[in-house]
């Protein structure tokens, strides 16, 4: 299991959290998505490292912006 944290801009409410969680959660291999609205951090648990372009596209589809840079590694 790999946990990776991404920074997302533009989220302001519970609907934002739901939209980002749904789009990122639909990516192949994603097991869990935790969103911290206050900090804008999105932590994704997945079977293997995710392609950042795929995560960016999912966040864009939800209507928000992935900030460059992420952290994470094997859990």
C-alpha atoms as a PDB file:
ATOM      1  CA  UNK A   1       0.000   0.000   0.000  1.00  0.00           C
ATOM      2  CA  UNK A   2       1.257   3.461  -0.920  1.00  0.00           C
ATOM      3  CA  UNK A   3       0.075   6.676   0.749  1.00  0.00           C
ATOM      4  CA  UNK A   4       0.642   9.888  -1.178  1.00  0.00           C
ATOM      5  CA  UNK A   5      -0.360  13.393  -0.118  1.00  0.00           C
ATOM      6  CA  UNK A   6      -1.271  16.043  -2.668  1.00  0.00           C
ATOM      7  CA  UNK A   7      -2.027  19.738  -2.207  1.00  0.00           C
ATOM      8  CA  UNK A   8      -5.259  20.912  -3.843  1.00  0.00           C
ATOM      9  CA  UNK A   9      -6.318  24.551  -4.256  1.00  0.00           C
ATOM     10  CA  UNK A  10      -9.846  25.903  -4.434  1.00  0.00           C
ATOM     11  CA  UNK A  11     -11.741  23.638  -2.054  1.00  0.00           C
ATOM     12  CA  UNK A  12     -14.016  25.628   0.268  1.00  0.00           C
ATOM     13  CA  UNK A  13     -16.837  23.317   1.430  1.00  0.00           C
ATOM     14  CA  UNK A  14     -18.080  19.803   1.974  1.00  0.00           C
ATOM     15  CA  UNK A  15     -19.240  19.555  -1.630  1.00  0.00           C
ATOM     16  CA  UNK A  16     -15.658  20.284  -2.731  1.00  0.00           C
ATOM     17  CA  UNK A  17     -14.403  17.455  -0.527  1.00  0.00           C
ATOM     18  CA  UNK A  18     -16.998  15.069  -1.980  1.00  0.00           C
ATOM     19  CA  UNK A  19     -16.193  16.003  -5.572  1.00  0.00           C
ATOM     20  CA  UNK A  20     -12.432  15.558  -5.160  1.00  0.00           C
ATOM     21  CA  UNK A  21     -12.896  12.312  -3.191  1.00  0.00           C
ATOM     22  CA  UNK A  22     -15.174  10.860  -5.873  1.00  0.00           C
ATOM     23  CA  UNK A  23     -12.967  11.772  -8.849  1.00  0.00           C
ATOM     24  CA  UNK A  24      -9.663  10.700  -7.278  1.00  0.00           C
ATOM     25  CA  UNK A  25     -11.289   7.632  -5.729  1.00  0.00           C
ATOM     26  CA  UNK A  26     -12.369   6.449  -9.179  1.00  0.00           C
ATOM     27  CA  UNK A  27      -8.742   6.082 -10.342  1.00  0.00           C
ATOM     28  CA  UNK A  28      -7.511   2.502 -10.793  1.00  0.00           C
ATOM     29  CA  UNK A  29      -5.842   1.106  -7.703  1.00  0.00           C
ATOM     30  CA  UNK A  30      -7.091   3.775  -5.283  1.00  0.00           C
ATOM     31  CA  UNK A  31      -8.249   2.225  -1.995  1.00  0.00           C
ATOM     32  CA  UNK A  32      -9.002   5.334   0.087  1.00  0.00           C
ATOM     33  CA  UNK A  33      -9.069   9.129  -0.207  1.00  0.00           C
ATOM     34  CA  UNK A  34      -8.877  11.417   2.823  1.00  0.00           C
ATOM     35  CA  UNK A  35      -9.383  15.159   2.294  1.00  0.00           C
ATOM     36  CA  UNK A  36      -8.457  17.805   4.869  1.00  0.00           C
ATOM     37  CA  UNK A  37     -10.492  20.831   3.823  1.00  0.00           C
ATOM     38  CA  UNK A  38      -8.657  23.262   6.125  1.00  0.00           C
ATOM     39  CA  UNK A  39      -5.193  22.473   4.773  1.00  0.00           C
ATOM     40  CA  UNK A  40      -6.177  21.472   1.235  1.00  0.00           C
ATOM     41  CA  UNK A  41      -4.299  18.191   1.622  1.00  0.00           C
ATOM     42  CA  UNK A  42      -5.583  15.072  -0.085  1.00  0.00           C
ATOM     43  CA  UNK A  43      -4.068  11.784   1.072  1.00  0.00           C
ATOM     44  CA  UNK A  44      -4.542   8.869  -1.294  1.00  0.00           C
ATOM     45  CA  UNK A  45      -3.973   5.230  -0.387  1.00  0.00           C
ATOM     46  CA  UNK A  46      -3.363   3.075  -3.447  1.00  0.00           C
ATOM     47  CA  UNK A  47      -2.053  -0.338  -4.433  1.00  0.00           C
ATOM     48  CA  UNK A  48       0.928   1.236  -6.196  1.00  0.00           C
ATOM     49  CA  UNK A  49       2.214   4.747  -6.920  1.00  0.00           C
ATOM     50  CA  UNK A  50      -0.216   6.772  -9.023  1.00  0.00           C
ATOM     51  CA  UNK A  51       0.643   8.713 -12.147  1.00  0.00           C
ATOM     52  CA  UNK A  52       0.579  12.383 -11.130  1.00  0.00           C
ATOM     53  CA  UNK A  53      -0.970  13.319 -14.492  1.00  0.00           C
ATOM     54  CA  UNK A  54      -3.921  11.020 -13.729  1.00  0.00           C
ATOM     55  CA  UNK A  55      -4.381  12.545 -10.283  1.00  0.00           C
ATOM     56  CA  UNK A  56      -4.139  16.054 -11.773  1.00  0.00           C
ATOM     57  CA  UNK A  57      -6.768  15.178 -14.395  1.00  0.00           C
ATOM     58  CA  UNK A  58      -9.122  13.811 -11.721  1.00  0.00           C
ATOM     59  CA  UNK A  59      -8.712  16.924  -9.565  1.00  0.00           C
ATOM     60  CA  UNK A  60      -9.246  19.120 -12.644  1.00  0.00           C
ATOM     61  CA  UNK A  61     -12.408  17.164 -13.499  1.00  0.00           C
ATOM     62  CA  UNK A  62     -13.693  17.909  -9.989  1.00  0.00           C
ATOM     63  CA  UNK A  63     -13.087  21.611 -10.671  1.00  0.00           C
ATOM     64  CA  UNK A  64      -9.971  22.221  -8.550  1.00  0.00           C
ATOM     65  CA  UNK A  65      -6.232  22.578  -9.047  1.00  0.00           C
ATOM     66  CA  UNK A  66      -3.476  20.190  -8.010  1.00  0.00           C
ATOM     67  CA  UNK A  67      -0.464  22.119  -6.717  1.00  0.00           C
ATOM     68  CA  UNK A  68       2.876  20.837  -8.008  1.00  0.00           C
ATOM     69  CA  UNK A  69       4.701  18.501  -5.664  1.00  0.00           C
ATOM     70  CA  UNK A  70       3.509  15.650  -3.528  1.00  0.00           C
ATOM     71  CA  UNK A  71       4.930  13.492  -0.817  1.00  0.00           C
ATOM     72  CA  UNK A  72       4.520   9.890   0.066  1.00  0.00           C
ATOM     73  CA  UNK A  73       5.840   6.410  -0.249  1.00  0.00           C
ATOM     74  CA  UNK A  74       5.143   2.868   0.841  1.00  0.00           C
ATOM     75  CA  UNK A  75       2.932   2.574   3.892  1.00  0.00           C
END
